[in-house]
Amino acid sequence: TSLWCPPDVYVQDGTPCKDMICINGTCTSISLPNYDHNVTKCHVRGVCNNHKNCHCRYGWVPPYCEWEGFGGSIDSGPPPATEIFWRAKVGVAPLRLLLLCIFGVTLIIFCKCETINYLLQSTPSSKVFSSSGRKMVSEHLAWVSH
């Protein structure tokens, strides 16, 4: 008995469906003549192609989709360079955001330290107190008015 593979999505030949595989949009028994490829060979990271080799999804390297890589198959090769470039660029975006946040925090800390240093250096550090304390106030007011 043949069941239809899900009609609402594009399904490549060799995609597992239940304990069978899709071939020409039909869920077909794995025990087909001329089809002796084990679907577990691709480690659920790719599909079997018509050459009985794994076509690995992006992120996994052929021939068995066991190691990280750019996808593709030994028959058709890796995906086009533009696809690799855009996927790599998207993968770098979170790293750029993290570096931007670190730079921003560092800049804020630096500015605050500079402000604190300026304030500490601009206030007179030693004052002579008179017994009544009036001399201190008058010297401070004279210093501020300059």
N, C-alpha and C. Protein backbone atom coordinates (compact mmCIF):
# COMPACT_ATOMS: atom_id res chain seq x y z
N THR A 1 0.85 -1.19 0.00
CA THR A 1 0.00 0.00 0.00
C THR A 1 0.88 1.24 0.00
N SER A 2 0.47 2.22 -0.75
CA SER A 2 1.22 3.47 -0.82
C SER A 2 0.39 4.59 -0.22
N LEU A 3 1.01 5.37 0.59
CA LEU A 3 0.39 6.57 1.14
C LEU A 3 1.05 7.77 0.48
N TRP A 4 0.30 8.85 0.38
CA TRP A 4 0.89 10.06 -0.18
C TRP A 4 1.75 10.73 0.87
N CYS A 5 2.89 11.24 0.43
CA CYS A 5 3.72 12.06 1.32
C CYS A 5 2.97 13.37 1.54
N PRO A 6 3.25 14.09 2.61
CA PRO A 6 2.48 15.31 2.91
C PRO A 6 2.40 16.23 1.69
N PRO A 7 1.17 16.51 1.20
CA PRO A 7 1.02 17.29 -0.02
C PRO A 7 1.28 18.79 0.20
N ASP A 8 1.23 19.25 1.44
CA ASP A 8 1.36 20.69 1.69
C ASP A 8 2.81 21.15 1.80
N VAL A 9 3.76 20.24 1.68
CA VAL A 9 5.17 20.62 1.75
C VAL A 9 5.92 19.94 0.62
N TYR A 10 7.03 20.55 0.20
CA TYR A 10 7.88 19.93 -0.81
C TYR A 10 8.72 18.87 -0.11
N VAL A 11 8.69 17.67 -0.62
CA VAL A 11 9.43 16.57 -0.02
C VAL A 11 10.37 16.00 -1.06
N GLN A 12 11.65 15.93 -0.72
CA GLN A 12 12.63 15.35 -1.63
C GLN A 12 12.51 13.84 -1.64
N ASP A 13 12.82 13.25 -2.77
CA ASP A 13 12.88 11.79 -2.82
C ASP A 13 13.90 11.29 -1.81
N GLY A 14 13.52 10.27 -1.07
CA GLY A 14 14.41 9.71 -0.06
C GLY A 14 14.11 10.19 1.34
N THR A 15 13.17 11.14 1.48
CA THR A 15 12.79 11.62 2.81
C THR A 15 12.02 10.53 3.54
N PRO A 16 12.39 10.23 4.80
CA PRO A 16 11.65 9.20 5.54
C PRO A 16 10.21 9.62 5.81
N CYS A 17 9.28 8.69 5.69
CA CYS A 17 7.89 8.90 6.08
C CYS A 17 7.44 7.61 6.76
N LYS A 18 7.14 7.73 8.04
CA LYS A 18 6.85 6.56 8.88
C LYS A 18 8.04 5.60 8.79
N ASP A 19 7.84 4.35 8.47
CA ASP A 19 8.97 3.43 8.32
C ASP A 19 9.26 3.17 6.84
N MET A 20 8.89 4.15 6.00
CA MET A 20 9.11 4.05 4.55
C MET A 20 9.84 5.31 4.10
N ILE A 21 9.92 5.52 2.78
CA ILE A 21 10.54 6.72 2.23
C ILE A 21 9.66 7.30 1.13
N CYS A 22 9.81 8.60 0.89
CA CYS A 22 9.06 9.25 -0.18
C CYS A 22 9.81 9.10 -1.50
N ILE A 23 9.10 8.66 -2.50
CA ILE A 23 9.63 8.60 -3.86
C ILE A 23 8.53 9.09 -4.78
N ASN A 24 8.81 10.16 -5.53
CA ASN A 24 7.84 10.78 -6.44
C ASN A 24 6.55 11.16 -5.71
N GLY A 25 6.66 11.67 -4.50
CA GLY A 25 5.49 12.12 -3.75
C GLY A 25 4.68 11.02 -3.12
N THR A 26 5.17 9.79 -3.15
CA THR A 26 4.45 8.66 -2.58
C THR A 26 5.29 8.00 -1.52
N CYS A 27 4.66 7.71 -0.38
CA CYS A 27 5.34 7.01 0.70
C CYS A 27 5.46 5.54 0.29
N THR A 28 6.71 5.10 0.06
CA THR A 28 6.96 3.79 -0.52
C THR A 28 7.80 2.93 0.41
N SER A 29 7.58 1.65 0.35
CA SER A 29 8.34 0.71 1.17
C SER A 29 9.82 0.78 0.81
N ILE A 30 10.65 0.63 1.80
CA ILE A 30 12.10 0.69 1.58
C ILE A 30 12.58 -0.53 0.80
N SER A 31 11.83 -1.58 0.83
CA SER A 31 12.26 -2.81 0.15
C SER A 31 11.94 -2.77 -1.34
N LEU A 32 12.27 -1.66 -2.00
CA LEU A 32 12.08 -1.55 -3.44
C LEU A 32 13.21 -2.26 -4.17
N PRO A 33 12.94 -2.80 -5.31
CA PRO A 33 14.04 -3.31 -6.12
C PRO A 33 14.92 -2.14 -6.54
N ASN A 34 16.19 -2.34 -6.63
CA ASN A 34 17.16 -1.32 -7.01
C ASN A 34 17.30 -0.20 -5.97
N TYR A 35 16.81 -0.42 -4.77
CA TYR A 35 16.97 0.61 -3.74
C TYR A 35 17.40 -0.08 -2.46
N ASP A 36 18.70 -0.20 -2.28
CA ASP A 36 19.21 -0.89 -1.11
C ASP A 36 19.94 0.04 -0.14
N HIS A 37 19.62 1.31 -0.21
CA HIS A 37 20.27 2.30 0.65
C HIS A 37 19.57 2.35 2.01
N ASN A 38 20.34 2.26 3.07
CA ASN A 38 19.81 2.31 4.42
C ASN A 38 19.56 3.77 4.81
N VAL A 39 18.30 4.12 5.12
CA VAL A 39 17.97 5.52 5.42
C VAL A 39 18.63 6.01 6.70
N THR A 40 19.05 5.12 7.59
CA THR A 40 19.74 5.57 8.81
C THR A 40 21.19 5.95 8.52
N LYS A 41 21.64 5.65 7.32
CA LYS A 41 23.02 5.97 6.93
C LYS A 41 23.30 7.47 7.00
N CYS A 42 22.27 8.29 6.81
CA CYS A 42 22.43 9.76 6.79
C CYS A 42 22.26 10.40 8.16
N HIS A 43 22.06 9.60 9.19
CA HIS A 43 21.97 10.07 10.58
C HIS A 43 20.90 11.14 10.80
N VAL A 44 19.81 11.07 10.08
CA VAL A 44 18.67 11.99 10.18
C VAL A 44 19.11 13.44 9.96
N ARG A 45 20.18 13.65 9.22
CA ARG A 45 20.68 14.99 8.91
C ARG A 45 20.72 15.22 7.41
N GLY A 46 20.13 14.32 6.68
CA GLY A 46 20.10 14.40 5.24
C GLY A 46 19.16 13.35 4.69
N VAL A 47 19.06 13.30 3.36
CA VAL A 47 18.19 12.32 2.70
C VAL A 47 19.01 11.52 1.69
N CYS A 48 18.50 10.35 1.37
CA CYS A 48 19.16 9.51 0.36
C CYS A 48 18.81 10.04 -1.02
N ASN A 49 19.80 10.21 -1.87
CA ASN A 49 19.51 10.67 -3.22
C ASN A 49 19.41 9.48 -4.19
N ASN A 50 19.19 9.78 -5.45
CA ASN A 50 18.99 8.71 -6.43
C ASN A 50 20.28 7.94 -6.72
N HIS A 51 21.40 8.40 -6.21
CA HIS A 51 22.67 7.67 -6.37
C HIS A 51 22.99 6.84 -5.12
N LYS A 52 22.01 6.74 -4.23
CA LYS A 52 22.14 5.99 -2.98
C LYS A 52 23.20 6.58 -2.04
N ASN A 53 23.37 7.90 -2.15
CA ASN A 53 24.28 8.62 -1.25
C ASN A 53 23.47 9.64 -0.46
N CYS A 54 24.03 10.08 0.64
CA CYS A 54 23.35 11.08 1.47
C CYS A 54 23.51 12.47 0.87
N HIS A 55 22.42 13.21 0.84
CA HIS A 55 22.47 14.64 0.53
C HIS A 55 22.22 15.34 1.85
N CYS A 56 23.29 15.88 2.44
CA CYS A 56 23.24 16.43 3.81
C CYS A 56 22.66 17.84 3.82
N ARG A 57 21.88 18.14 4.88
CA ARG A 57 21.37 19.49 5.10
C ARG A 57 22.54 20.41 5.45
N TYR A 58 22.28 21.72 5.34
CA TYR A 58 23.30 22.70 5.73
C TYR A 58 23.67 22.47 7.19
N GLY A 59 24.93 22.49 7.47
CA GLY A 59 25.42 22.25 8.82
C GLY A 59 26.09 20.90 8.96
N TRP A 60 25.96 20.04 7.93
CA TRP A 60 26.53 18.69 7.99
C TRP A 60 27.23 18.38 6.67
N VAL A 61 28.30 17.62 6.76
CA VAL A 61 29.13 17.35 5.59
C VAL A 61 28.94 15.90 5.11
N PRO A 62 28.88 15.70 3.77
CA PRO A 62 28.82 14.34 3.25
C PRO A 62 30.14 13.61 3.50
N PRO A 63 30.17 12.30 3.41
CA PRO A 63 29.17 11.45 2.78
C PRO A 63 28.08 10.95 3.73
N TYR A 64 28.27 11.00 5.06
CA TYR A 64 27.27 10.40 5.96
C TYR A 64 26.61 11.40 6.90
N CYS A 65 26.85 12.70 6.71
CA CYS A 65 26.25 13.75 7.54
C CYS A 65 26.59 13.58 9.02
N GLU A 66 27.80 13.13 9.30
CA GLU A 66 28.22 12.90 10.68
C GLU A 66 28.94 14.11 11.27
N TRP A 67 29.62 14.87 10.44
CA TRP A 67 30.45 15.98 10.91
C TRP A 67 29.87 17.30 10.43
N GLU A 68 30.18 18.37 11.16
CA GLU A 68 29.68 19.70 10.79
C GLU A 68 30.34 20.18 9.50
N GLY A 69 29.54 20.83 8.68
CA GLY A 69 30.04 21.34 7.41
C GLY A 69 28.99 22.17 6.70
N PHE A 70 29.10 22.30 5.37
CA PHE A 70 28.21 23.17 4.62
C PHE A 70 27.08 22.44 3.90
N GLY A 71 26.96 21.15 4.08
CA GLY A 71 25.88 20.41 3.43
C GLY A 71 26.26 19.94 2.04
N GLY A 72 25.27 19.44 1.31
CA GLY A 72 25.50 18.94 -0.04
C GLY A 72 25.68 17.43 -0.05
N SER A 73 26.20 16.93 -1.16
CA SER A 73 26.44 15.49 -1.29
C SER A 73 27.72 15.26 -2.07
N ILE A 74 28.19 14.02 -2.06
CA ILE A 74 29.39 13.72 -2.84
C ILE A 74 29.07 13.72 -4.33
N ASP A 75 27.79 13.68 -4.67
CA ASP A 75 27.38 13.69 -6.08
C ASP A 75 27.24 15.10 -6.62
N SER A 76 26.63 15.99 -5.84
CA SER A 76 26.37 17.35 -6.32
C SER A 76 27.32 18.38 -5.72
N GLY A 77 28.12 18.00 -4.74
CA GLY A 77 29.05 18.93 -4.12
C GLY A 77 28.38 19.80 -3.08
N PRO A 78 29.13 20.77 -2.55
CA PRO A 78 28.58 21.66 -1.53
C PRO A 78 27.62 22.66 -2.15
N PRO A 79 26.83 23.37 -1.32
CA PRO A 79 25.92 24.38 -1.86
C PRO A 79 26.71 25.53 -2.47
N PRO A 80 26.05 26.38 -3.28
CA PRO A 80 26.75 27.50 -3.92
C PRO A 80 27.40 28.42 -2.88
N ALA A 81 28.47 29.10 -3.28
CA ALA A 81 29.22 29.97 -2.37
C ALA A 81 28.34 31.08 -1.80
N THR A 82 27.38 31.61 -2.58
CA THR A 82 26.53 32.68 -2.07
C THR A 82 25.69 32.19 -0.90
N GLU A 83 25.20 30.97 -0.97
CA GLU A 83 24.41 30.41 0.13
C GLU A 83 25.28 30.23 1.37
N ILE A 84 26.50 29.75 1.18
CA ILE A 84 27.42 29.59 2.31
C ILE A 84 27.71 30.96 2.93
N PHE A 85 27.94 31.99 2.08
CA PHE A 85 28.25 33.33 2.56
C PHE A 85 27.11 33.88 3.41
N TRP A 86 25.86 33.79 2.92
CA TRP A 86 24.73 34.35 3.65
C TRP A 86 24.47 33.60 4.94
N ARG A 87 24.61 32.29 4.93
CA ARG A 87 24.41 31.53 6.17
C ARG A 87 25.50 31.85 7.18
N ALA A 88 26.73 32.03 6.72
CA ALA A 88 27.81 32.39 7.62
C ALA A 88 27.59 33.80 8.16
N LYS A 89 27.10 34.70 7.33
CA LYS A 89 26.86 36.08 7.76
C LYS A 89 25.78 36.12 8.83
N VAL A 90 24.73 35.34 8.66
CA VAL A 90 23.67 35.28 9.66
C VAL A 90 24.21 34.69 10.96
N GLY A 91 25.10 33.72 10.87
CA GLY A 91 25.69 33.12 12.07
C GLY A 91 26.59 34.07 12.83
N VAL A 92 27.16 35.07 12.16
CA VAL A 92 28.06 36.02 12.79
C VAL A 92 27.29 37.16 13.46
N ALA A 93 26.04 37.38 13.09
CA ALA A 93 25.26 38.50 13.63
C ALA A 93 25.19 38.50 15.16
N PRO A 94 24.89 37.39 15.83
CA PRO A 94 24.86 37.43 17.30
C PRO A 94 26.22 37.78 17.91
N LEU A 95 27.30 37.35 17.29
CA LEU A 95 28.63 37.68 17.78
C LEU A 95 28.88 39.18 17.66
N ARG A 96 28.46 39.77 16.55
CA ARG A 96 28.61 41.22 16.38
C ARG A 96 27.81 41.98 17.43
N LEU A 97 26.61 41.53 17.71
CA LEU A 97 25.78 42.19 18.72
C LEU A 97 26.44 42.11 20.09
N LEU A 98 26.98 40.96 20.44
CA LEU A 98 27.66 40.79 21.72
C LEU A 98 28.87 41.73 21.82
N LEU A 99 29.67 41.80 20.77
CA LEU A 99 30.84 42.69 20.78
C LEU A 99 30.42 44.15 20.87
N LEU A 100 29.34 44.52 20.21
CA LEU A 100 28.84 45.89 20.29
C LEU A 100 28.40 46.23 21.72
N CYS A 101 27.73 45.30 22.38
CA CYS A 101 27.31 45.51 23.78
C CYS A 101 28.52 45.66 24.70
N ILE A 102 29.52 44.80 24.52
CA ILE A 102 30.73 44.89 25.34
C ILE A 102 31.42 46.23 25.12
N PHE A 103 31.50 46.67 23.87
CA PHE A 103 32.12 47.96 23.56
C PHE A 103 31.34 49.10 24.23
N GLY A 104 30.01 49.04 24.16
CA GLY A 104 29.18 50.08 24.77
C GLY A 104 29.36 50.16 26.28
N VAL A 105 29.37 49.02 26.94
CA VAL A 105 29.56 49.00 28.39
C VAL A 105 30.95 49.52 28.75
N THR A 106 31.96 49.13 28.00
CA THR A 106 33.32 49.61 28.24
C THR A 106 33.39 51.12 28.07
N LEU A 107 32.76 51.65 27.05
CA LEU A 107 32.75 53.09 26.81
C LEU A 107 32.06 53.83 27.95
N ILE A 108 30.94 53.33 28.42
CA ILE A 108 30.23 53.96 29.54
C ILE A 108 31.10 53.96 30.79
N ILE A 109 31.73 52.84 31.09
CA ILE A 109 32.60 52.76 32.27
C ILE A 109 33.76 53.74 32.14
N PHE A 110 34.37 53.82 30.96
CA PHE A 110 35.48 54.73 30.74
C PHE A 110 35.05 56.17 30.95
N CYS A 111 33.89 56.55 30.40
CA CYS A 111 33.41 57.93 30.55
C CYS A 111 33.13 58.26 32.01
N LYS A 112 32.52 57.33 32.72
CA LYS A 112 32.23 57.57 34.14
C LYS A 112 33.53 57.72 34.93
N CYS A 113 34.54 56.90 34.64
CA CYS A 113 35.82 57.01 35.34
C CYS A 113 36.49 58.34 35.04
N GLU A 114 36.43 58.79 33.79
CA GLU A 114 37.01 60.08 33.43
C GLU A 114 36.30 61.22 34.16
N THR A 115 34.98 61.15 34.27
CA THR A 115 34.22 62.18 34.98
C THR A 115 34.59 62.20 36.45
N ILE A 116 34.69 61.04 37.05
CA ILE A 116 35.05 60.96 38.47
C ILE A 116 36.46 61.50 38.68
N ASN A 117 37.40 61.14 37.83
CA ASN A 117 38.78 61.65 37.94
C ASN A 117 38.82 63.16 37.79
N TYR A 118 38.04 63.71 36.86
CA TYR A 118 38.00 65.16 36.65
C TYR A 118 37.47 65.86 37.90
N LEU A 119 36.40 65.31 38.47
CA LEU A 119 35.83 65.93 39.67
C LEU A 119 36.79 65.86 40.84
N LEU A 120 37.49 64.75 40.99
CA LEU A 120 38.44 64.62 42.09
C LEU A 120 39.63 65.57 41.93
N GLN A 121 40.07 65.79 40.72
CA GLN A 121 41.22 66.66 40.48
C GLN A 121 40.84 68.13 40.52
N SER A 122 39.61 68.47 40.25
CA SER A 122 39.21 69.88 40.19
C SER A 122 38.82 70.44 41.55
N THR A 123 38.61 69.64 42.57
CA THR A 123 38.28 70.15 43.91
C THR A 123 39.56 70.31 44.71
N PRO A 124 39.69 71.40 45.48
CA PRO A 124 40.90 71.59 46.29
C PRO A 124 41.03 70.45 47.31
N SER A 125 42.24 69.93 47.43
CA SER A 125 42.42 68.77 48.28
C SER A 125 42.79 69.12 49.71
N SER A 126 43.41 70.25 49.92
CA SER A 126 43.80 70.58 51.31
C SER A 126 43.30 71.96 51.67
N LYS A 127 42.68 72.07 52.76
CA LYS A 127 42.14 73.33 53.28
C LYS A 127 42.62 73.49 54.71
N VAL A 128 42.87 74.72 55.08
CA VAL A 128 43.24 75.01 56.46
C VAL A 128 41.99 75.48 57.16
N PHE A 129 41.60 74.77 58.17
CA PHE A 129 40.40 75.13 58.92
C PHE A 129 40.76 76.15 59.99
N SER A 130 39.98 77.19 60.07
CA SER A 130 40.13 78.11 61.21
C SER A 130 39.31 77.56 62.36
N SER A 131 39.49 78.15 63.48
CA SER A 131 38.77 77.64 64.65
C SER A 131 37.27 77.80 64.48
N SER A 132 36.83 78.81 63.75
CA SER A 132 35.38 78.99 63.59
C SER A 132 34.86 78.34 62.32
N GLY A 133 35.75 77.99 61.36
CA GLY A 133 35.32 77.37 60.12
C GLY A 133 34.96 78.37 59.05
N ARG A 134 34.95 79.70 59.40
CA ARG A 134 34.56 80.72 58.41
C ARG A 134 35.63 80.89 57.34
N LYS A 135 36.88 80.76 57.73
CA LYS A 135 37.96 80.92 56.76
C LYS A 135 37.84 79.88 55.64
N MET A 136 37.50 78.67 55.99
CA MET A 136 37.32 77.58 55.02
C MET A 136 36.23 77.93 54.03
N VAL A 137 35.10 78.40 54.49
CA VAL A 137 33.98 78.74 53.62
C VAL A 137 34.36 79.89 52.71
N SER A 138 34.99 80.91 53.23
CA SER A 138 35.34 82.06 52.39
C SER A 138 36.38 81.68 51.34
N GLU A 139 37.34 80.83 51.69
CA GLU A 139 38.34 80.39 50.70
C GLU A 139 37.68 79.55 49.60
N HIS A 140 36.74 78.72 49.98
CA HIS A 140 36.05 77.88 49.00
C HIS A 140 35.22 78.73 48.05
N LEU A 141 34.50 79.73 48.59
CA LEU A 141 33.69 80.60 47.75
C LEU A 141 34.58 81.42 46.83
N ALA A 142 35.72 81.87 47.32
CA ALA A 142 36.64 82.63 46.48
C ALA A 142 37.19 81.74 45.36
N TRP A 143 37.47 80.51 45.66
CA TRP A 143 38.01 79.58 44.65
C TRP A 143 36.96 79.27 43.58
N VAL A 144 35.70 79.08 43.99
CA VAL A 144 34.62 78.76 43.06
C VAL A 144 34.31 79.94 42.15
N SER A 145 34.41 81.15 42.64
CA SER A 145 34.05 82.33 41.85
C SER A 145 35.08 82.64 40.77
N HIS A 146 36.27 82.10 40.86
CA HIS A 146 37.28 82.36 39.83
C HIS A 146 36.98 81.56 38.65
